[in-house]
Amino acid sequence: MNLAGLSLRDLEYVVAVSELRHFGRAAERCAVSQPSLSAQIRKLEDALGLSLFERTSRKVLLTPRGEAVVAQARVVLEEARRLLALADGSDGALTGRLRLAAIQTLGPYLFPHILPVLRSTWPDLTLILSEGRTETLLEELRDGRLDAVLLALPVESDGLVAEPLFFEPFLLAHPAGHRLCAAPGLSLNDLDPAELLLLEEGHCLRDRALAACGLSARGGGVHATGLETLRHMVAAGAGCTLMPVLASKGEDGRPATVGGLVEYRPFDGTSGKSRPPGRIVGLVWRVSDPRDRGLRDLAALLHRTLPPGTESVIPQRGE
């Protein structure tokens, strides 16, 4: 096969199927009929002399050689986007499609706050939003399946740019009428480790909660799959938990109290620190992304658009 027979559009089809694991949904994303997409992929496979996908009636899987081809296809498509940006004079600007993801303990509570300003600033930008766990999102970012990720810093930043946006404090979520209601102040030392409810393993918020409380990972105890389940466990009187301030509010901006059964209290600043326990939220993208300037503009905009209850974080260059 020579270069004349290699189509960037065909590479887009292949990447879409590899990401969605479904020919129909890939065709919808690429705005083409499924028969046309399938035929073009089959044509490309014939030209390359290999099978990119295992096709069954229930699922689509990448073959080992297909994984290598898809990884290189992402590189080719990214460089092609860079070429087009140079040609139209918009090098580095946010145009076309932006695949933006956030960790699961952040996305549902931050996206409603930032989407209006993103839409007004870049009305022609097509946003594709998703959520996941830190490890998975970083893997997808490095592989080119995502363009930018919102998560808690720090992260392993080899080949990545990480811009801090804001500090989000943790609140104590406890059942209504809990013994700590009457305490004049609240510190982490007031917590009973036996009462602490956690997310299941794999959530970075679980690790941060344990670290904030000076505890090691526990094999037993009661765990939840997500923050909403955790909130309802508190409402049921199962214990207390550390809740990010954005997750403590409902859609109307008022505390999410689950029928008045959950209360929230802020922590005092910890000993020797001006801030209470919490996390620094940042925007992360690849160093090689041709839209680096636009992504820095996005980070600056998000830095200025502080969600309620959070504090500004000044980026420390060189860290």
C-alpha atoms as a PDB file:
ATOM      1  CA  MET A   1       0.000   0.000   0.000  1.00  0.00           C
ATOM      2  CA  ASN A   2       1.366   3.443  -0.919  1.00  0.00           C
ATOM      3  CA  LEU A   3       0.562   6.797   0.667  1.00  0.00           C
ATOM      4  CA  ALA A   4      -1.904   7.651  -2.093  1.00  0.00           C
ATOM      5  CA  GLY A   5      -4.186   4.925  -0.809  1.00  0.00           C
ATOM      6  CA  LEU A   6      -4.064   6.043   2.832  1.00  0.00           C
ATOM      7  CA  SER A   7      -6.975   8.258   3.887  1.00  0.00           C
ATOM      8  CA  LEU A   8      -7.039  10.343   7.049  1.00  0.00           C
ATOM      9  CA  ARG A   9     -10.790   9.864   7.108  1.00  0.00           C
ATOM     10  CA  ASP A  10     -10.307   6.098   7.218  1.00  0.00           C
ATOM     11  CA  LEU A  11      -7.950   6.550  10.169  1.00  0.00           C
ATOM     12  CA  GLU A  12     -10.639   8.587  11.932  1.00  0.00           C
ATOM     13  CA  TYR A  13     -13.069   5.715  11.385  1.00  0.00           C
ATOM     14  CA  VAL A  14     -10.618   3.204  12.834  1.00  0.00           C
ATOM     15  CA  VAL A  15      -9.889   5.350  15.897  1.00  0.00           C
ATOM     16  CA  ALA A  16     -13.601   5.927  16.506  1.00  0.00           C
ATOM     17  CA  VAL A  17     -14.369   2.196  16.436  1.00  0.00           C
ATOM     18  CA  SER A  18     -11.406   1.466  18.724  1.00  0.00           C
ATOM     19  CA  GLU A  19     -12.671   4.002  21.265  1.00  0.00           C
ATOM     20  CA  LEU A  20     -16.364   3.136  21.149  1.00  0.00           C
ATOM     21  CA  ARG A  21     -16.028  -0.609  20.467  1.00  0.00           C
ATOM     22  CA  HIS A  22     -19.129  -0.308  18.301  1.00  0.00           C
ATOM     23  CA  PHE A  23     -19.447   0.300  14.545  1.00  0.00           C
ATOM     24  CA  GLY A  24     -22.856   1.946  14.782  1.00  0.00           C
ATOM     25  CA  ARG A  25     -21.856   4.492  17.426  1.00  0.00           C
ATOM     26  CA  ALA A  26     -18.582   5.145  15.591  1.00  0.00           C
ATOM     27  CA  ALA A  27     -20.544   5.886  12.423  1.00  0.00           C
ATOM     28  CA  GLU A  28     -22.753   8.341  14.337  1.00  0.00           C
ATOM     29  CA  ARG A  29     -19.701  10.133  15.709  1.00  0.00           C
ATOM     30  CA  CYS A  30     -18.147  10.374  12.247  1.00  0.00           C
ATOM     31  CA  ALA A  31     -21.460  11.470  10.638  1.00  0.00           C
ATOM     32  CA  VAL A  32     -21.420   8.624   8.116  1.00  0.00           C
ATOM     33  CA  SER A  33     -23.594   5.570   7.537  1.00  0.00           C
ATOM     34  CA  GLN A  34     -22.532   2.371   9.248  1.00  0.00           C
ATOM     35  CA  PRO A  35     -22.249   0.383   5.985  1.00  0.00           C
ATOM     36  CA  SER A  36     -19.964   3.045   4.549  1.00  0.00           C
ATOM     37  CA  LEU A  37     -17.762   3.122   7.652  1.00  0.00           C
ATOM     38  CA  SER A  38     -17.557  -0.674   7.798  1.00  0.00           C
ATOM     39  CA  ALA A  39     -16.719  -0.902   4.099  1.00  0.00           C
ATOM     40  CA  GLN A  40     -13.933   1.673   4.378  1.00  0.00           C
ATOM     41  CA  ILE A  41     -12.402  -0.057   7.381  1.00  0.00           C
ATOM     42  CA  ARG A  42     -12.551  -3.403   5.581  1.00  0.00           C
ATOM     43  CA  LYS A  43     -10.915  -1.780   2.553  1.00  0.00           C
ATOM     44  CA  LEU A  44      -8.140  -0.397   4.756  1.00  0.00           C
ATOM     45  CA  GLU A  45      -7.610  -3.797   6.379  1.00  0.00           C
ATOM     46  CA  ASP A  46      -7.312  -5.417   2.947  1.00  0.00           C
ATOM     47  CA  ALA A  47      -4.805  -2.786   1.833  1.00  0.00           C
ATOM     48  CA  LEU A  48      -2.718  -3.233   4.994  1.00  0.00           C
ATOM     49  CA  GLY A  49      -2.977  -6.992   4.841  1.00  0.00           C
ATOM     50  CA  LEU A  50      -4.166  -7.418   8.434  1.00  0.00           C
ATOM     51  CA  SER A  51      -7.282  -7.470  10.604  1.00  0.00           C
ATOM     52  CA  LEU A  52      -7.633  -4.473  12.898  1.00  0.00           C
ATOM     53  CA  PHE A  53     -10.675  -5.758  14.796  1.00  0.00           C
ATOM     54  CA  GLU A  54     -12.168  -8.982  16.068  1.00  0.00           C
ATOM     55  CA  ARG A  55     -15.840  -8.804  15.117  1.00  0.00           C
ATOM     56  CA  THR A  56     -18.436 -10.813  17.003  1.00  0.00           C
ATOM     57  CA  SER A  57     -22.181 -10.451  17.358  1.00  0.00           C
ATOM     58  CA  ARG A  58     -21.751  -8.996  20.844  1.00  0.00           C
ATOM     59  CA  LYS A  59     -18.587  -6.891  20.865  1.00  0.00           C
ATOM     60  CA  VAL A  60     -15.689  -5.466  18.901  1.00  0.00           C
ATOM     61  CA  LEU A  61     -12.102  -6.007  20.033  1.00  0.00           C
ATOM     62  CA  LEU A  62      -8.794  -4.708  18.719  1.00  0.00           C
ATOM     63  CA  THR A  63      -6.319  -7.297  17.520  1.00  0.00           C
ATOM     64  CA  PRO A  64      -2.737  -7.000  18.839  1.00  0.00           C
ATOM     65  CA  ARG A  65      -1.542  -5.587  15.488  1.00  0.00           C
ATOM     66  CA  GLY A  66      -4.642  -3.414  15.389  1.00  0.00           C
ATOM     67  CA  GLU A  67      -3.658  -1.796  18.692  1.00  0.00           C
ATOM     68  CA  ALA A  68      -0.316  -0.745  17.209  1.00  0.00           C
ATOM     69  CA  VAL A  69      -1.983   0.651  14.082  1.00  0.00           C
ATOM     70  CA  VAL A  70      -4.546   2.620  16.111  1.00  0.00           C
ATOM     71  CA  ALA A  71      -1.841   4.085  18.347  1.00  0.00           C
ATOM     72  CA  GLN A  72       0.046   5.329  15.285  1.00  0.00           C
ATOM     73  CA  ALA A  73      -3.186   6.532  13.659  1.00  0.00           C
ATOM     74  CA  ARG A  74      -3.750   8.838  16.632  1.00  0.00           C
ATOM     75  CA  VAL A  75      -0.274  10.309  16.136  1.00  0.00           C
ATOM     76  CA  VAL A  76      -0.919  10.840  12.420  1.00  0.00           C
ATOM     77  CA  LEU A  77      -4.276  12.520  13.054  1.00  0.00           C
ATOM     78  CA  GLU A  78      -2.840  14.817  15.696  1.00  0.00           C
ATOM     79  CA  GLU A  79      -0.064  15.922  13.360  1.00  0.00           C
ATOM     80  CA  ALA A  80      -2.620  16.428  10.593  1.00  0.00           C
ATOM     81  CA  ARG A  81      -4.616  18.714  12.894  1.00  0.00           C
ATOM     82  CA  ARG A  82      -1.436  20.634  13.611  1.00  0.00           C
ATOM     83  CA  LEU A  83      -0.848  21.036   9.857  1.00  0.00           C
ATOM     84  CA  LEU A  84      -4.366  22.368   9.309  1.00  0.00           C
ATOM     85  CA  ALA A  85      -4.018  24.796  12.215  1.00  0.00           C
ATOM     86  CA  LEU A  86      -0.822  26.179  10.712  1.00  0.00           C
ATOM     87  CA  ALA A  87      -2.454  26.518   7.317  1.00  0.00           C
ATOM     88  CA  ASP A  88      -5.503  28.476   8.483  1.00  0.00           C
ATOM     89  CA  GLY A  89      -3.569  30.729  10.852  1.00  0.00           C
ATOM     90  CA  SER A  90      -5.243  29.386  13.997  1.00  0.00           C
ATOM     91  CA  ASP A  91      -2.233  27.479  15.294  1.00  0.00           C
ATOM     92  CA  GLY A  92      -2.898  26.522  18.889  1.00  0.00           C
ATOM     93  CA  ALA A  93      -6.496  27.768  19.036  1.00  0.00           C
ATOM     94  CA  LEU A  94      -9.341  25.659  20.383  1.00  0.00           C
ATOM     95  CA  THR A  95     -11.313  24.608  17.336  1.00  0.00           C
ATOM     96  CA  GLY A  96     -13.223  21.564  16.174  1.00  0.00           C
ATOM     97  CA  ARG A  97     -13.765  18.920  18.844  1.00  0.00           C
ATOM     98  CA  LEU A  98     -12.510  18.878  22.440  1.00  0.00           C
ATOM     99  CA  ARG A  99     -12.722  15.625  24.384  1.00  0.00           C
ATOM    100  CA  LEU A 100     -12.775  16.813  27.992  1.00  0.00           C
ATOM    101  CA  ALA A 101     -13.021  14.376  30.903  1.00  0.00           C
ATOM    102  CA  ALA A 102     -13.111  14.695  34.683  1.00  0.00           C
ATOM    103  CA  ILE A 103     -12.716  12.315  37.582  1.00  0.00           C
ATOM    104  CA  GLN A 104     -16.020  10.875  38.772  1.00  0.00           C
ATOM    105  CA  THR A 105     -15.959  12.735  42.094  1.00  0.00           C
ATOM    106  CA  LEU A 106     -15.646  16.063  40.263  1.00  0.00           C
ATOM    107  CA  GLY A 107     -17.326  15.974  36.841  1.00  0.00           C
ATOM    108  CA  PRO A 108     -21.027  15.906  37.825  1.00  0.00           C
ATOM    109  CA  TYR A 109     -20.531  18.873  40.169  1.00  0.00           C
ATOM    110  CA  LEU A 110     -18.079  20.982  38.131  1.00  0.00           C
ATOM    111  CA  PHE A 111     -19.428  20.566  34.588  1.00  0.00           C
ATOM    112  CA  PRO A 112     -22.712  22.423  35.277  1.00  0.00           C
ATOM    113  CA  HIS A 113     -20.696  25.359  36.579  1.00  0.00           C
ATOM    114  CA  ILE A 114     -18.200  25.668  33.719  1.00  0.00           C
ATOM    115  CA  LEU A 115     -20.271  24.645  30.695  1.00  0.00           C
ATOM    116  CA  PRO A 116     -22.106  27.987  30.262  1.00  0.00           C
ATOM    117  CA  VAL A 117     -18.863  29.974  30.159  1.00  0.00           C
ATOM    118  CA  LEU A 118     -17.223  27.446  27.820  1.00  0.00           C
ATOM    119  CA  ARG A 119     -20.147  27.601  25.414  1.00  0.00           C
ATOM    120  CA  SER A 120     -20.173  31.410  25.418  1.00  0.00           C
ATOM    121  CA  THR A 121     -16.390  31.668  24.947  1.00  0.00           C
ATOM    122  CA  TRP A 122     -16.066  29.001  22.225  1.00  0.00           C
ATOM    123  CA  PRO A 123     -19.549  28.662  20.676  1.00  0.00           C
ATOM    124  CA  ASP A 124     -18.254  26.656  17.704  1.00  0.00           C
ATOM    125  CA  LEU A 125     -16.286  24.189  19.815  1.00  0.00           C
ATOM    126  CA  THR A 126     -17.792  20.695  19.986  1.00  0.00           C
ATOM    127  CA  LEU A 127     -17.431  19.423  23.549  1.00  0.00           C
ATOM    128  CA  ILE A 128     -17.410  15.683  24.246  1.00  0.00           C
ATOM    129  CA  LEU A 129     -17.602  15.128  28.007  1.00  0.00           C
ATOM    130  CA  SER A 130     -16.857  11.984  29.984  1.00  0.00           C
ATOM    131  CA  GLU A 131     -15.892  10.795  33.455  1.00  0.00           C
ATOM    132  CA  GLY A 132     -13.647   8.124  34.897  1.00  0.00           C
ATOM    133  CA  ARG A 133     -11.032   7.327  37.487  1.00  0.00           C
ATOM    134  CA  THR A 134      -7.668   9.075  37.536  1.00  0.00           C
ATOM    135  CA  GLU A 135      -5.544   6.177  36.330  1.00  0.00           C
ATOM    136  CA  THR A 136      -7.863   5.385  33.418  1.00  0.00           C
ATOM    137  CA  LEU A 137      -8.233   9.024  32.359  1.00  0.00           C
ATOM    138  CA  LEU A 138      -4.482   9.595  32.324  1.00  0.00           C
ATOM    139  CA  GLU A 139      -3.986   6.465  30.230  1.00  0.00           C
ATOM    140  CA  GLU A 140      -6.606   7.659  27.734  1.00  0.00           C
ATOM    141  CA  LEU A 141      -5.045  11.130  27.684  1.00  0.00           C
ATOM    142  CA  ARG A 142      -1.578   9.783  26.929  1.00  0.00           C
ATOM    143  CA  ASP A 143      -3.016   7.492  24.234  1.00  0.00           C
ATOM    144  CA  GLY A 144      -4.773  10.402  22.531  1.00  0.00           C
ATOM    145  CA  ARG A 145      -8.298   9.208  23.330  1.00  0.00           C
ATOM    146  CA  LEU A 146      -8.838  12.363  25.423  1.00  0.00           C
ATOM    147  CA  ASP A 147      -7.639  15.919  24.861  1.00  0.00           C
ATOM    148  CA  ALA A 148      -7.744  17.272  28.424  1.00  0.00           C
ATOM    149  CA  VAL A 149      -8.616  16.013  31.885  1.00  0.00           C
ATOM    150  CA  LEU A 150      -9.831  17.708  35.065  1.00  0.00           C
ATOM    151  CA  LEU A 151      -8.511  15.922  38.142  1.00  0.00           C
ATOM    152  CA  ALA A 152      -6.807  16.301  41.505  1.00  0.00           C
ATOM    153  CA  LEU A 153      -3.130  17.243  41.448  1.00  0.00           C
ATOM    154  CA  PRO A 154      -0.362  16.252  41.619  1.00  0.00           C
ATOM    155  CA  VAL A 155      -0.145  13.622  38.882  1.00  0.00           C
ATOM    156  CA  GLU A 156       2.719  11.870  37.139  1.00  0.00           C
ATOM    157  CA  SER A 157       3.356  14.580  34.565  1.00  0.00           C
ATOM    158  CA  ASP A 158       5.901  13.032  32.180  1.00  0.00           C
ATOM    159  CA  GLY A 159       4.842  14.293  28.750  1.00  0.00           C
ATOM    160  CA  LEU A 160       1.927  16.210  30.262  1.00  0.00           C
ATOM    161  CA  VAL A 161       1.137  19.798  31.220  1.00  0.00           C
ATOM    162  CA  ALA A 162      -0.666  20.206  34.564  1.00  0.00           C
ATOM    163  CA  GLU A 163      -2.171  23.613  35.373  1.00  0.00           C
ATOM    164  CA  PRO A 164      -3.650  24.071  38.872  1.00  0.00           C
ATOM    165  CA  LEU A 165      -7.056  25.775  38.845  1.00  0.00           C
ATOM    166  CA  PHE A 166      -8.487  25.942  42.351  1.00  0.00           C
ATOM    167  CA  PHE A 167      -8.382  24.481  45.843  1.00  0.00           C
ATOM    168  CA  GLU A 168     -11.508  22.560  46.827  1.00  0.00           C
ATOM    169  CA  PRO A 169     -11.885  22.026  50.595  1.00  0.00           C
ATOM    170  CA  PHE A 170     -13.403  18.908  52.091  1.00  0.00           C
ATOM    171  CA  LEU A 171     -16.379  19.176  54.441  1.00  0.00           C
ATOM    172  CA  LEU A 172     -17.417  16.664  57.051  1.00  0.00           C
ATOM    173  CA  ALA A 173     -20.710  15.062  56.049  1.00  0.00           C
ATOM    174  CA  HIS A 174     -22.374  13.528  59.101  1.00  0.00           C
ATOM    175  CA  PRO A 175     -25.870  12.363  60.063  1.00  0.00           C
ATOM    176  CA  ALA A 176     -28.200  15.008  61.464  1.00  0.00           C
ATOM    177  CA  GLY A 177     -27.900  15.171  65.251  1.00  0.00           C
ATOM    178  CA  HIS A 178     -24.403  13.666  65.282  1.00  0.00           C
ATOM    179  CA  ARG A 179     -22.242  14.261  68.349  1.00  0.00           C
ATOM    180  CA  LEU A 180     -19.979  16.655  66.410  1.00  0.00           C
ATOM    181  CA  CYS A 181     -22.878  19.048  65.782  1.00  0.00           C
ATOM    182  CA  ALA A 182     -22.246  20.727  69.136  1.00  0.00           C
ATOM    183  CA  ALA A 183     -18.445  20.950  68.820  1.00  0.00           C
ATOM    184  CA  PRO A 184     -17.300  24.624  68.712  1.00  0.00           C
ATOM    185  CA  GLY A 185     -14.674  23.838  66.059  1.00  0.00           C
ATOM    186  CA  LEU A 186     -13.842  20.846  63.926  1.00  0.00           C
ATOM    187  CA  SER A 187     -10.508  19.200  63.219  1.00  0.00           C
ATOM    188  CA  LEU A 188      -9.525  15.886  61.732  1.00  0.00           C
ATOM    189  CA  ASN A 189      -8.552  14.731  65.213  1.00  0.00           C
ATOM    190  CA  ASP A 190     -12.225  14.872  66.207  1.00  0.00           C
ATOM    191  CA  LEU A 191     -13.098  12.073  63.785  1.00  0.00           C
ATOM    192  CA  ASP A 192     -13.541   8.506  64.932  1.00  0.00           C
ATOM    193  CA  PRO A 193     -11.771   6.305  62.325  1.00  0.00           C
ATOM    194  CA  ALA A 194     -14.355   3.597  62.954  1.00  0.00           C
ATOM    195  CA  GLU A 195     -17.071   5.967  61.684  1.00  0.00           C
ATOM    196  CA  LEU A 196     -15.250   6.997  58.507  1.00  0.00           C
ATOM    197  CA  LEU A 197     -17.013   5.933  55.310  1.00  0.00           C
ATOM    198  CA  LEU A 198     -14.874   5.675  52.174  1.00  0.00           C
ATOM    199  CA  LEU A 199     -15.158   5.201  48.448  1.00  0.00           C
ATOM    200  CA  GLU A 200     -14.039   1.835  47.137  1.00  0.00           C
ATOM    201  CA  GLU A 201     -10.433   1.269  46.060  1.00  0.00           C
ATOM    202  CA  GLY A 202      -9.431   2.932  42.794  1.00  0.00           C
ATOM    203  CA  HIS A 203     -10.860   6.366  43.644  1.00  0.00           C
ATOM    204  CA  CYS A 204      -8.179   8.959  44.317  1.00  0.00           C
ATOM    205  CA  LEU A 205     -10.562  10.689  46.759  1.00  0.00           C
ATOM    206  CA  ARG A 206     -10.434   7.590  48.946  1.00  0.00           C
ATOM    207  CA  ASP A 207      -6.646   7.826  49.162  1.00  0.00           C
ATOM    208  CA  ARG A 208      -6.785  11.557  49.905  1.00  0.00           C
ATOM    209  CA  ALA A 209      -9.354  11.055  52.641  1.00  0.00           C
ATOM    210  CA  LEU A 210      -7.202   8.394  54.278  1.00  0.00           C
ATOM    211  CA  ALA A 211      -4.095  10.564  53.985  1.00  0.00           C
ATOM    212  CA  ALA A 212      -5.888  13.599  55.424  1.00  0.00           C
ATOM    213  CA  CYS A 213      -6.963  11.547  58.429  1.00  0.00           C
ATOM    214  CA  GLY A 214      -3.526   9.967  58.840  1.00  0.00           C
ATOM    215  CA  LEU A 215      -4.892   6.483  58.215  1.00  0.00           C
ATOM    216  CA  SER A 216      -3.583   3.608  56.143  1.00  0.00           C
ATOM    217  CA  ALA A 217      -5.743   1.730  53.637  1.00  0.00           C
ATOM    218  CA  ARG A 218      -8.271  -0.484  55.371  1.00  0.00           C
ATOM    219  CA  GLY A 219      -9.209  -3.905  54.142  1.00  0.00           C
ATOM    220  CA  GLY A 220     -12.544  -3.953  55.963  1.00  0.00           C
ATOM    221  CA  GLY A 221     -15.032  -1.219  56.659  1.00  0.00           C
ATOM    222  CA  VAL A 222     -17.953   0.011  54.596  1.00  0.00           C
ATOM    223  CA  HIS A 223     -17.186   1.345  51.122  1.00  0.00           C
ATOM    224  CA  ALA A 224     -19.287   3.047  48.455  1.00  0.00           C
ATOM    225  CA  THR A 225     -19.030   3.047  44.660  1.00  0.00           C
ATOM    226  CA  GLY A 226     -19.675   6.793  44.317  1.00  0.00           C
ATOM    227  CA  LEU A 227     -20.311  10.027  46.183  1.00  0.00           C
ATOM    228  CA  GLU A 228     -24.088   9.853  45.860  1.00  0.00           C
ATOM    229  CA  THR A 229     -24.145   6.396  47.451  1.00  0.00           C
ATOM    230  CA  LEU A 230     -21.765   7.675  50.117  1.00  0.00           C
ATOM    231  CA  ARG A 231     -24.108  10.589  50.861  1.00  0.00           C
ATOM    232  CA  HIS A 232     -27.070   8.251  51.273  1.00  0.00           C
ATOM    233  CA  MET A 233     -25.041   6.001  53.562  1.00  0.00           C
ATOM    234  CA  VAL A 234     -24.419   9.028  55.772  1.00  0.00           C
ATOM    235  CA  ALA A 235     -28.154   9.827  55.669  1.00  0.00           C
ATOM    236  CA  ALA A 236     -28.850   6.263  56.781  1.00  0.00           C
ATOM    237  CA  GLY A 237     -26.654   6.814  59.842  1.00  0.00           C
ATOM    238  CA  ALA A 238     -23.856   4.473  58.758  1.00  0.00           C
ATOM    239  CA  GLY A 239     -21.111   6.974  59.599  1.00  0.00           C
ATOM    240  CA  CYS A 240     -19.360  10.145  58.442  1.00  0.00           C
ATOM    241  CA  THR A 241     -17.304  10.991  55.385  1.00  0.00           C
ATOM    242  CA  LEU A 242     -15.171  13.719  53.828  1.00  0.00           C
ATOM    243  CA  MET A 243     -17.199  15.370  51.069  1.00  0.00           C
ATOM    244  CA  PRO A 244     -15.719  17.784  48.461  1.00  0.00           C
ATOM    245  CA  VAL A 245     -17.463  21.123  48.802  1.00  0.00           C
ATOM    246  CA  LEU A 246     -18.809  21.054  45.219  1.00  0.00           C
ATOM    247  CA  ALA A 247     -20.436  17.690  45.870  1.00  0.00           C
ATOM    248  CA  SER A 248     -22.107  19.014  49.021  1.00  0.00           C
ATOM    249  CA  LYS A 249     -24.522  21.157  47.008  1.00  0.00           C
ATOM    250  CA  GLY A 250     -27.595  20.215  45.019  1.00  0.00           C
ATOM    251  CA  GLU A 251     -28.585  21.539  41.603  1.00  0.00           C
ATOM    252  CA  ASP A 252     -30.215  24.558  43.253  1.00  0.00           C
ATOM    253  CA  GLY A 253     -26.968  25.489  45.011  1.00  0.00           C
ATOM    254  CA  ARG A 254     -28.302  24.550  48.438  1.00  0.00           C
ATOM    255  CA  PRO A 255     -26.756  21.839  50.628  1.00  0.00           C
ATOM    256  CA  ALA A 256     -27.687  18.349  49.475  1.00  0.00           C
ATOM    257  CA  THR A 257     -29.174  17.158  52.772  1.00  0.00           C
ATOM    258  CA  VAL A 258     -31.137  14.061  51.613  1.00  0.00           C
ATOM    259  CA  GLY A 259     -34.352  15.084  53.306  1.00  0.00           C
ATOM    260  CA  GLY A 260     -32.573  16.872  56.128  1.00  0.00           C
ATOM    261  CA  LEU A 261     -30.721  13.724  57.204  1.00  0.00           C
ATOM    262  CA  VAL A 262     -27.221  14.943  56.234  1.00  0.00           C
ATOM    263  CA  GLU A 263     -25.364  17.959  57.629  1.00  0.00           C
ATOM    264  CA  TYR A 264     -22.048  19.482  56.534  1.00  0.00           C
ATOM    265  CA  ARG A 265     -19.406  21.195  58.635  1.00  0.00           C
ATOM    266  CA  PRO A 266     -16.191  22.881  57.493  1.00  0.00           C
ATOM    267  CA  PHE A 267     -12.891  21.947  59.072  1.00  0.00           C
ATOM    268  CA  ASP A 268     -10.641  24.445  60.790  1.00  0.00           C
ATOM    269  CA  GLY A 269      -7.218  24.939  59.225  1.00  0.00           C
ATOM    270  CA  THR A 270      -4.988  22.007  60.087  1.00  0.00           C
ATOM    271  CA  SER A 271      -2.049  22.446  62.410  1.00  0.00           C
ATOM    272  CA  GLY A 272       0.734  24.380  60.699  1.00  0.00           C
ATOM    273  CA  LYS A 273      -1.354  24.919  57.555  1.00  0.00           C
ATOM    274  CA  SER A 274      -3.607  27.778  56.501  1.00  0.00           C
ATOM    275  CA  ARG A 275      -5.959  25.524  54.579  1.00  0.00           C
ATOM    276  CA  PRO A 276      -8.317  22.805  55.781  1.00  0.00           C
ATOM    277  CA  PRO A 277      -8.108  19.340  54.208  1.00  0.00           C
ATOM    278  CA  GLY A 278      -8.969  19.350  50.513  1.00  0.00           C
ATOM    279  CA  ARG A 279      -7.595  18.902  47.027  1.00  0.00           C
ATOM    280  CA  ILE A 280      -6.118  21.041  44.257  1.00  0.00           C
ATOM    281  CA  VAL A 281      -8.020  20.595  41.012  1.00  0.00           C
ATOM    282  CA  GLY A 282      -6.112  21.079  37.772  1.00  0.00           C
ATOM    283  CA  LEU A 283      -6.370  20.775  34.014  1.00  0.00           C
ATOM    284  CA  VAL A 284      -3.989  18.305  32.354  1.00  0.00           C
ATOM    285  CA  TRP A 285      -3.158  17.840  28.674  1.00  0.00           C
ATOM    286  CA  ARG A 286      -0.348  16.484  26.492  1.00  0.00           C
ATOM    287  CA  VAL A 287       2.757  18.593  25.893  1.00  0.00           C
ATOM    288  CA  SER A 288       2.598  17.562  22.228  1.00  0.00           C
ATOM    289  CA  ASP A 289      -0.978  18.731  21.650  1.00  0.00           C
ATOM    290  CA  PRO A 290      -1.001  21.223  18.743  1.00  0.00           C
ATOM    291  CA  ARG A 291      -3.664  23.252  20.583  1.00  0.00           C
ATOM    292  CA  ASP A 292      -1.406  23.984  23.532  1.00  0.00           C
ATOM    293  CA  ARG A 293      -2.102  27.730  23.381  1.00  0.00           C
ATOM    294  CA  GLY A 294      -5.849  27.162  23.335  1.00  0.00           C
ATOM    295  CA  LEU A 295      -5.647  24.710  26.226  1.00  0.00           C
ATOM    296  CA  ARG A 296      -3.664  27.261  28.228  1.00  0.00           C
ATOM    297  CA  ASP A 297      -6.420  29.774  27.441  1.00  0.00           C
ATOM    298  CA  LEU A 298      -8.934  27.214  28.700  1.00  0.00           C
ATOM    299  CA  ALA A 299      -6.966  26.728  31.925  1.00  0.00           C
ATOM    300  CA  ALA A 300      -6.790  30.507  32.426  1.00  0.00           C
ATOM    301  CA  LEU A 301     -10.542  30.819  31.897  1.00  0.00           C
ATOM    302  CA  LEU A 302     -11.296  28.039  34.363  1.00  0.00           C
ATOM    303  CA  HIS A 303      -8.871  29.593  36.832  1.00  0.00           C
ATOM    304  CA  ARG A 304     -10.894  32.815  36.677  1.00  0.00           C
ATOM    305  CA  THR A 305     -14.236  30.995  36.854  1.00  0.00           C
ATOM    306  CA  LEU A 306     -14.040  29.818  40.432  1.00  0.00           C
ATOM    307  CA  PRO A 307     -16.839  27.483  41.563  1.00  0.00           C
ATOM    308  CA  PRO A 308     -18.573  28.538  44.809  1.00  0.00           C
ATOM    309  CA  GLY A 309     -16.738  27.452  47.944  1.00  0.00           C
ATOM    310  CA  THR A 310     -13.351  27.014  46.240  1.00  0.00           C
ATOM    311  CA  GLU A 311     -10.198  29.123  46.450  1.00  0.00           C
ATOM    312  CA  SER A 312      -7.917  30.369  43.694  1.00  0.00           C
ATOM    313  CA  VAL A 313      -4.578  28.645  43.227  1.00  0.00           C
ATOM    314  CA  ILE A 314      -1.737  30.578  41.644  1.00  0.00           C
ATOM    315  CA  PRO A 315       0.261  28.321  39.306  1.00  0.00           C
ATOM    316  CA  GLN A 316       3.842  27.874  40.461  1.00  0.00           C
ATOM    317  CA  ARG A 317       5.989  27.809  37.333  1.00  0.00           C
ATOM    318  CA  GLY A 318       8.860  25.391  37.377  1.00  0.00           C
ATOM    319  CA  GLU A 319       7.269  23.016  39.898  1.00  0.00           C
END
